[in-house]
Amino acid sequence: MRASSNGSLPSNDGKLAMEVVDLRVAGFPVGTIPTIIVERLINPLVDLSAPPAAARVTSVQVMQDSLVLTASSALAYP
């Protein structure tokens, strides 16, 4: 069985999540409740908010077969 989704990739406080707009299984839309469950299971996709790599996501690029994140951080050394 094949599933597909469409949505956006907002970042907030170093976390990247997927907001699913359209979720389909075998070509048919599954509705709101399954979409909410999938979002809760997969998010956050990336969490850079906690040490040792606390960072802020500054850009996201979606390529054909990859996702490129750019992040910035103010590193503090002891």
PDB file of N, CA and C in Angstrom:
ATOM      1  N   MET A   1       0.848  -1.167   0.000  1.00  0.00           N
ATOM      2  CA  MET A   1       0.000   0.000   0.000  1.00  0.00           C
ATOM      3  C   MET A   1       0.897   1.235   0.000  1.00  0.00           C
ATOM      4  N   ARG A   2       0.547   2.198  -0.804  1.00  0.00           N
ATOM      5  CA  ARG A   2       1.358   3.403  -0.952  1.00  0.00           C
ATOM      6  C   ARG A   2       0.666   4.589  -0.285  1.00  0.00           C
ATOM      7  N   ALA A   3       1.462   5.389   0.417  1.00  0.00           N
ATOM      8  CA  ALA A   3       0.947   6.606   1.062  1.00  0.00           C
ATOM      9  C   ALA A   3       1.714   7.801   0.524  1.00  0.00           C
ATOM     10  N   SER A   4       1.041   8.946   0.469  1.00  0.00           N
ATOM     11  CA  SER A   4       1.697  10.181   0.056  1.00  0.00           C
ATOM     12  C   SER A   4       1.146  11.327   0.886  1.00  0.00           C
ATOM     13  N   SER A   5       1.943  12.383   0.991  1.00  0.00           N
ATOM     14  CA  SER A   5       1.499  13.543   1.767  1.00  0.00           C
ATOM     15  C   SER A   5       2.021  14.819   1.135  1.00  0.00           C
ATOM     16  N   ASN A   6       1.316  15.894   1.399  1.00  0.00           N
ATOM     17  CA  ASN A   6       1.735  17.233   1.016  1.00  0.00           C
ATOM     18  C   ASN A   6       1.615  18.102   2.250  1.00  0.00           C
ATOM     19  N   GLY A   7       2.506  19.064   2.370  1.00  0.00           N
ATOM     20  CA  GLY A   7       2.447  19.951   3.523  1.00  0.00           C
ATOM     21  C   GLY A   7       3.562  20.963   3.496  1.00  0.00           C
ATOM     22  N   SER A   8       3.836  21.524   4.670  1.00  0.00           N
ATOM     23  CA  SER A   8       4.903  22.509   4.796  1.00  0.00           C
ATOM     24  C   SER A   8       5.866  22.078   5.883  1.00  0.00           C
ATOM     25  N   LEU A   9       7.048  22.713   5.898  1.00  0.00           N
ATOM     26  CA  LEU A   9       8.096  22.378   6.862  1.00  0.00           C
ATOM     27  C   LEU A   9       8.476  23.617   7.682  1.00  0.00           C
ATOM     28  N   PRO A  10       7.623  24.025   8.607  1.00  0.00           N
ATOM     29  CA  PRO A  10       7.967  25.196   9.416  1.00  0.00           C
ATOM     30  C   PRO A  10       9.027  24.839  10.470  1.00  0.00           C
ATOM     31  N   SER A  11       9.853  25.817  10.811  1.00  0.00           N
ATOM     32  CA  SER A  11      10.828  25.621  11.882  1.00  0.00           C
ATOM     33  C   SER A  11      10.544  26.630  12.984  1.00  0.00           C
ATOM     34  N   ASN A  12      10.761  26.193  14.215  1.00  0.00           N
ATOM     35  CA  ASN A  12      10.506  27.040  15.368  1.00  0.00           C
ATOM     36  C   ASN A  12      11.438  26.618  16.501  1.00  0.00           C
ATOM     37  N   ASP A  13      12.233  27.536  17.008  1.00  0.00           N
ATOM     38  CA  ASP A  13      13.130  27.272  18.143  1.00  0.00           C
ATOM     39  C   ASP A  13      14.034  26.066  17.914  1.00  0.00           C
ATOM     40  N   GLY A  14      14.574  25.929  16.709  1.00  0.00           N
ATOM     41  CA  GLY A  14      15.509  24.852  16.424  1.00  0.00           C
ATOM     42  C   GLY A  14      14.855  23.525  16.103  1.00  0.00           C
ATOM     43  N   LYS A  15      13.532  23.481  16.001  1.00  0.00           N
ATOM     44  CA  LYS A  15      12.835  22.246  15.669  1.00  0.00           C
ATOM     45  C   LYS A  15      12.190  22.389  14.294  1.00  0.00           C
ATOM     46  N   LEU A  16      12.331  21.352  13.495  1.00  0.00           N
ATOM     47  CA  LEU A  16      11.713  21.317  12.178  1.00  0.00           C
ATOM     48  C   LEU A  16      10.595  20.294  12.224  1.00  0.00           C
ATOM     49  N   ALA A  17       9.401  20.697  11.812  1.00  0.00           N
ATOM     50  CA  ALA A  17       8.243  19.808  11.832  1.00  0.00           C
ATOM     51  C   ALA A  17       7.615  19.765  10.453  1.00  0.00           C
ATOM     52  N   MET A  18       6.771  18.774  10.233  1.00  0.00           N
ATOM     53  CA  MET A  18       5.996  18.725   9.000  1.00  0.00           C
ATOM     54  C   MET A  18       4.537  18.943   9.341  1.00  0.00           C
ATOM     55  N   GLU A  19       3.955  19.982   8.751  1.00  0.00           N
ATOM     56  CA  GLU A  19       2.519  20.213   8.871  1.00  0.00           C
ATOM     57  C   GLU A  19       1.866  19.581   7.650  1.00  0.00           C
ATOM     58  N   VAL A  20       1.167  18.496   7.872  1.00  0.00           N
ATOM     59  CA  VAL A  20       0.558  17.748   6.772  1.00  0.00           C
ATOM     60  C   VAL A  20      -0.740  18.428   6.347  1.00  0.00           C
ATOM     61  N   VAL A  21      -0.836  18.759   5.060  1.00  0.00           N
ATOM     62  CA  VAL A  21      -2.030  19.389   4.510  1.00  0.00           C
ATOM     63  C   VAL A  21      -2.917  18.336   3.854  1.00  0.00           C
ATOM     64  N   ASP A  22      -2.301  17.359   3.199  1.00  0.00           N
ATOM     65  CA  ASP A  22      -3.054  16.338   2.473  1.00  0.00           C
ATOM     66  C   ASP A  22      -2.345  15.005   2.659  1.00  0.00           C
ATOM     67  N   LEU A  23      -3.032  14.036   3.247  1.00  0.00           N
ATOM     68  CA  LEU A  23      -2.479  12.700   3.442  1.00  0.00           C
ATOM     69  C   LEU A  23      -3.379  11.710   2.704  1.00  0.00           C
ATOM     70  N   ARG A  24      -2.754  10.874   1.874  1.00  0.00           N
ATOM     71  CA  ARG A  24      -3.519   9.915   1.077  1.00  0.00           C
ATOM     72  C   ARG A  24      -2.896   8.526   1.205  1.00  0.00           C
ATOM     73  N   VAL A  25      -3.757   7.515   1.220  1.00  0.00           N
ATOM     74  CA  VAL A  25      -3.331   6.119   1.207  1.00  0.00           C
ATOM     75  C   VAL A  25      -4.010   5.460   0.016  1.00  0.00           C
ATOM     76  N   ALA A  26      -3.229   4.833  -0.816  1.00  0.00           N
ATOM     77  CA  ALA A  26      -3.719   4.213  -2.048  1.00  0.00           C
ATOM     78  C   ALA A  26      -4.488   5.219  -2.901  1.00  0.00           C
ATOM     79  N   GLY A  27      -4.066   6.498  -2.841  1.00  0.00           N
ATOM     80  CA  GLY A  27      -4.683   7.535  -3.653  1.00  0.00           C
ATOM     81  C   GLY A  27      -5.920   8.186  -3.061  1.00  0.00           C
ATOM     82  N   PHE A  28      -6.371   7.699  -1.906  1.00  0.00           N
ATOM     83  CA  PHE A  28      -7.578   8.241  -1.295  1.00  0.00           C
ATOM     84  C   PHE A  28      -7.236   9.064  -0.051  1.00  0.00           C
ATOM     85  N   PRO A  29      -7.879  10.237   0.137  1.00  0.00           N
ATOM     86  CA  PRO A  29      -7.630  11.046   1.328  1.00  0.00           C
ATOM     87  C   PRO A  29      -8.095  10.297   2.585  1.00  0.00           C
ATOM     88  N   VAL A  30      -7.311  10.422   3.667  1.00  0.00           N
ATOM     89  CA  VAL A  30      -7.627   9.661   4.880  1.00  0.00           C
ATOM     90  C   VAL A  30      -8.381  10.464   5.932  1.00  0.00           C
ATOM     91  N   GLY A  31      -8.407  11.772   5.815  1.00  0.00           N
ATOM     92  CA  GLY A  31      -9.167  12.561   6.773  1.00  0.00           C
ATOM     93  C   GLY A  31      -8.312  13.196   7.855  1.00  0.00           C
ATOM     94  N   THR A  32      -8.967  13.925   8.729  1.00  0.00           N
ATOM     95  CA  THR A  32      -8.297  14.749   9.731  1.00  0.00           C
ATOM     96  C   THR A  32      -7.634  13.948  10.846  1.00  0.00           C
ATOM     97  N   ILE A  33      -8.333  12.996  11.428  1.00  0.00           N
ATOM     98  CA  ILE A  33      -7.785  12.278  12.594  1.00  0.00           C
ATOM     99  C   ILE A  33      -6.533  11.483  12.234  1.00  0.00           C
ATOM    100  N   PRO A  34      -6.524  10.689  11.159  1.00  0.00           N
ATOM    101  CA  PRO A  34      -5.264  10.014  10.794  1.00  0.00           C
ATOM    102  C   PRO A  34      -4.125  10.994  10.496  1.00  0.00           C
ATOM    103  N   THR A  35      -4.461  12.144   9.901  1.00  0.00           N
ATOM    104  CA  THR A  35      -3.435  13.145   9.608  1.00  0.00           C
ATOM    105  C   THR A  35      -2.826  13.678  10.895  1.00  0.00           C
ATOM    106  N   ILE A  36      -3.643  13.971  11.888  1.00  0.00           N
ATOM    107  CA  ILE A  36      -3.146  14.449  13.189  1.00  0.00           C
ATOM    108  C   ILE A  36      -2.268  13.389  13.843  1.00  0.00           C
ATOM    109  N   ILE A  37      -2.677  12.132  13.778  1.00  0.00           N
ATOM    110  CA  ILE A  37      -1.883  11.046  14.372  1.00  0.00           C
ATOM    111  C   ILE A  37      -0.520  10.936  13.695  1.00  0.00           C
ATOM    112  N   VAL A  38      -0.494  10.998  12.364  1.00  0.00           N
ATOM    113  CA  VAL A  38       0.788  10.930  11.639  1.00  0.00           C
ATOM    114  C   VAL A  38       1.680  12.098  12.033  1.00  0.00           C
ATOM    115  N   GLU A  39       1.133  13.319  12.096  1.00  0.00           N
ATOM    116  CA  GLU A  39       1.934  14.482  12.502  1.00  0.00           C
ATOM    117  C   GLU A  39       2.538  14.280  13.892  1.00  0.00           C
ATOM    118  N   ARG A  40       1.771  13.767  14.813  1.00  0.00           N
ATOM    119  CA  ARG A  40       2.284  13.557  16.186  1.00  0.00           C
ATOM    120  C   ARG A  40       3.361  12.479  16.231  1.00  0.00           C
ATOM    121  N   LEU A  41       3.236  11.476  15.365  1.00  0.00           N
ATOM    122  CA  LEU A  41       4.227  10.398  15.353  1.00  0.00           C
ATOM    123  C   LEU A  41       5.554  10.819  14.729  1.00  0.00           C
ATOM    124  N   ILE A  42       5.510  11.682  13.710  1.00  0.00           N
ATOM    125  CA  ILE A  42       6.749  12.001  12.984  1.00  0.00           C
ATOM    126  C   ILE A  42       7.435  13.280  13.457  1.00  0.00           C
ATOM    127  N   ASN A  43       6.746  14.121  14.214  1.00  0.00           N
ATOM    128  CA  ASN A  43       7.316  15.419  14.585  1.00  0.00           C
ATOM    129  C   ASN A  43       7.914  15.417  15.976  1.00  0.00           C
ATOM    130  N   PRO A  44       8.972  16.161  16.192  1.00  0.00           N
ATOM    131  CA  PRO A  44       9.696  16.952  15.209  1.00  0.00           C
ATOM    132  C   PRO A  44      10.569  16.068  14.329  1.00  0.00           C
ATOM    133  N   LEU A  45      10.729  16.481  13.067  1.00  0.00           N
ATOM    134  CA  LEU A  45      11.611  15.757  12.158  1.00  0.00           C
ATOM    135  C   LEU A  45      13.059  15.906  12.595  1.00  0.00           C
ATOM    136  N   VAL A  46      13.406  17.114  13.035  1.00  0.00           N
ATOM    137  CA  VAL A  46      14.752  17.431  13.510  1.00  0.00           C
ATOM    138  C   VAL A  46      14.612  18.323  14.730  1.00  0.00           C
ATOM    139  N   ASP A  47      15.402  18.043  15.778  1.00  0.00           N
ATOM    140  CA  ASP A  47      15.388  18.880  16.976  1.00  0.00           C
ATOM    141  C   ASP A  47      16.820  19.305  17.293  1.00  0.00           C
ATOM    142  N   LEU A  48      17.114  20.567  16.989  1.00  0.00           N
ATOM    143  CA  LEU A  48      18.442  21.121  17.274  1.00  0.00           C
ATOM    144  C   LEU A  48      18.374  22.110  18.439  1.00  0.00           C
ATOM    145  N   SER A  49      17.332  22.027  19.247  1.00  0.00           N
ATOM    146  CA  SER A  49      17.113  23.019  20.294  1.00  0.00           C
ATOM    147  C   SER A  49      17.856  22.726  21.588  1.00  0.00           C
ATOM    148  N   ALA A  50      18.307  21.509  21.778  1.00  0.00           N
ATOM    149  CA  ALA A  50      18.940  21.130  23.045  1.00  0.00           C
ATOM    150  C   ALA A  50      20.451  20.967  22.885  1.00  0.00           C
ATOM    151  N   PRO A  51      21.204  21.244  23.942  1.00  0.00           N
ATOM    152  CA  PRO A  51      22.649  21.020  23.915  1.00  0.00           C
ATOM    153  C   PRO A  51      22.930  19.557  23.630  1.00  0.00           C
ATOM    154  N   PRO A  52      24.037  19.196  23.050  1.00  0.00           N
ATOM    155  CA  PRO A  52      25.201  20.027  22.797  1.00  0.00           C
ATOM    156  C   PRO A  52      25.146  20.786  21.475  1.00  0.00           C
ATOM    157  N   ALA A  53      24.070  20.652  20.708  1.00  0.00           N
ATOM    158  CA  ALA A  53      24.026  21.297  19.397  1.00  0.00           C
ATOM    159  C   ALA A  53      22.871  22.286  19.286  1.00  0.00           C
ATOM    160  N   ALA A  54      22.638  23.072  20.337  1.00  0.00           N
ATOM    161  CA  ALA A  54      21.532  24.029  20.280  1.00  0.00           C
ATOM    162  C   ALA A  54      21.736  24.974  19.095  1.00  0.00           C
ATOM    163  N   ALA A  55      20.758  25.011  18.214  1.00  0.00           N
ATOM    164  CA  ALA A  55      20.868  25.820  17.004  1.00  0.00           C
ATOM    165  C   ALA A  55      19.490  26.269  16.559  1.00  0.00           C
ATOM    166  N   ARG A  56      19.491  27.239  15.662  1.00  0.00           N
ATOM    167  CA  ARG A  56      18.247  27.750  15.083  1.00  0.00           C
ATOM    168  C   ARG A  56      18.260  27.421  13.598  1.00  0.00           C
ATOM    169  N   VAL A  57      17.204  26.768  13.119  1.00  0.00           N
ATOM    170  CA  VAL A  57      17.100  26.430  11.701  1.00  0.00           C
ATOM    171  C   VAL A  57      16.850  27.722  10.933  1.00  0.00           C
ATOM    172  N   THR A  58      17.724  28.026   9.965  1.00  0.00           N
ATOM    173  CA  THR A  58      17.600  29.273   9.214  1.00  0.00           C
ATOM    174  C   THR A  58      17.043  29.074   7.811  1.00  0.00           C
ATOM    175  N   SER A  59      17.168  27.874   7.248  1.00  0.00           N
ATOM    176  CA  SER A  59      16.564  27.609   5.948  1.00  0.00           C
ATOM    177  C   SER A  59      16.376  26.114   5.752  1.00  0.00           C
ATOM    178  N   VAL A  60      15.407  25.781   4.905  1.00  0.00           N
ATOM    179  CA  VAL A  60      15.111  24.390   4.560  1.00  0.00           C
ATOM    180  C   VAL A  60      14.924  24.328   3.052  1.00  0.00           C
ATOM    181  N   GLN A  61      15.607  23.394   2.422  1.00  0.00           N
ATOM    182  CA  GLN A  61      15.454  23.179   0.980  1.00  0.00           C
ATOM    183  C   GLN A  61      15.024  21.740   0.755  1.00  0.00           C
ATOM    184  N   VAL A  62      13.951  21.549   0.017  1.00  0.00           N
ATOM    185  CA  VAL A  62      13.478  20.213  -0.309  1.00  0.00           C
ATOM    186  C   VAL A  62      13.923  19.894  -1.724  1.00  0.00           C
ATOM    187  N   MET A  63      14.748  18.867  -1.844  1.00  0.00           N
ATOM    188  CA  MET A  63      15.254  18.422  -3.138  1.00  0.00           C
ATOM    189  C   MET A  63      14.480  17.165  -3.545  1.00  0.00           C
ATOM    190  N   GLN A  64      14.782  16.627  -4.706  1.00  0.00           N
ATOM    191  CA  GLN A  64      14.081  15.440  -5.183  1.00  0.00           C
ATOM    192  C   GLN A  64      14.271  14.248  -4.242  1.00  0.00           C
ATOM    193  N   ASP A  65      15.479  14.065  -3.734  1.00  0.00           N
ATOM    194  CA  ASP A  65      15.737  12.905  -2.882  1.00  0.00           C
ATOM    195  C   ASP A  65      16.430  13.259  -1.571  1.00  0.00           C
ATOM    196  N   SER A  66      16.344  14.524  -1.160  1.00  0.00           N
ATOM    197  CA  SER A  66      16.983  14.916   0.094  1.00  0.00           C
ATOM    198  C   SER A  66      16.340  16.179   0.662  1.00  0.00           C
ATOM    199  N   LEU A  67      16.682  16.447   1.894  1.00  0.00           N
ATOM    200  CA  LEU A  67      16.242  17.636   2.608  1.00  0.00           C
ATOM    201  C   LEU A  67      17.495  18.297   3.155  1.00  0.00           C
ATOM    202  N   VAL A  68      17.717  19.576   2.808  1.00  0.00           N
ATOM    203  CA  VAL A  68      18.916  20.287   3.228  1.00  0.00           C
ATOM    204  C   VAL A  68      18.531  21.343   4.265  1.00  0.00           C
ATOM    205  N   LEU A  69      19.112  21.236   5.448  1.00  0.00           N
ATOM    206  CA  LEU A  69      18.871  22.199   6.524  1.00  0.00           C
ATOM    207  C   LEU A  69      20.090  23.076   6.704  1.00  0.00           C
ATOM    208  N   THR A  70      19.868  24.346   6.951  1.00  0.00           N
ATOM    209  CA  THR A  70      20.931  25.251   7.348  1.00  0.00           C
ATOM    210  C   THR A  70      20.554  25.769   8.719  1.00  0.00           C
ATOM    211  N   ALA A  71      21.505  25.745   9.633  1.00  0.00           N
ATOM    212  CA  ALA A  71      21.231  26.185  11.003  1.00  0.00           C
ATOM    213  C   ALA A  71      22.374  27.043  11.498  1.00  0.00           C
ATOM    214  N   SER A  72      22.078  27.883  12.489  1.00  0.00           N
ATOM    215  CA  SER A  72      23.115  28.704  13.093  1.00  0.00           C
ATOM    216  C   SER A  72      23.094  28.517  14.599  1.00  0.00           C
ATOM    217  N   SER A  73      24.244  28.727  15.204  1.00  0.00           N
ATOM    218  CA  SER A  73      24.361  28.529  16.644  1.00  0.00           C
ATOM    219  C   SER A  73      25.439  29.454  17.194  1.00  0.00           C
ATOM    220  N   ALA A  74      25.224  29.886  18.413  1.00  0.00           N
ATOM    221  CA  ALA A  74      26.256  30.625  19.134  1.00  0.00           C
ATOM    222  C   ALA A  74      26.886  29.643  20.113  1.00  0.00           C
ATOM    223  N   LEU A  75      27.980  29.018  19.692  1.00  0.00           N
ATOM    224  CA  LEU A  75      28.616  28.018  20.543  1.00  0.00           C
ATOM    225  C   LEU A  75      29.349  28.670  21.707  1.00  0.00           C
ATOM    226  N   ALA A  76      29.162  28.087  22.858  1.00  0.00           N
ATOM    227  CA  ALA A  76      29.862  28.573  24.048  1.00  0.00           C
ATOM    228  C   ALA A  76      30.769  27.453  24.555  1.00  0.00           C
ATOM    229  N   TYR A  77      32.028  27.787  24.765  1.00  0.00           N
ATOM    230  CA  TYR A  77      32.981  26.814  25.274  1.00  0.00           C
ATOM    231  C   TYR A  77      33.205  27.062  26.749  1.00  0.00           C
ATOM    232  N   PRO A  78      33.321  25.978  27.524  1.00  0.00           N
ATOM    233  CA  PRO A  78      33.523  26.142  28.990  1.00  0.00           C
ATOM    234  C   PRO A  78      34.842  26.772  29.342  1.00  0.00           C
TER     235      PRO A  78
END
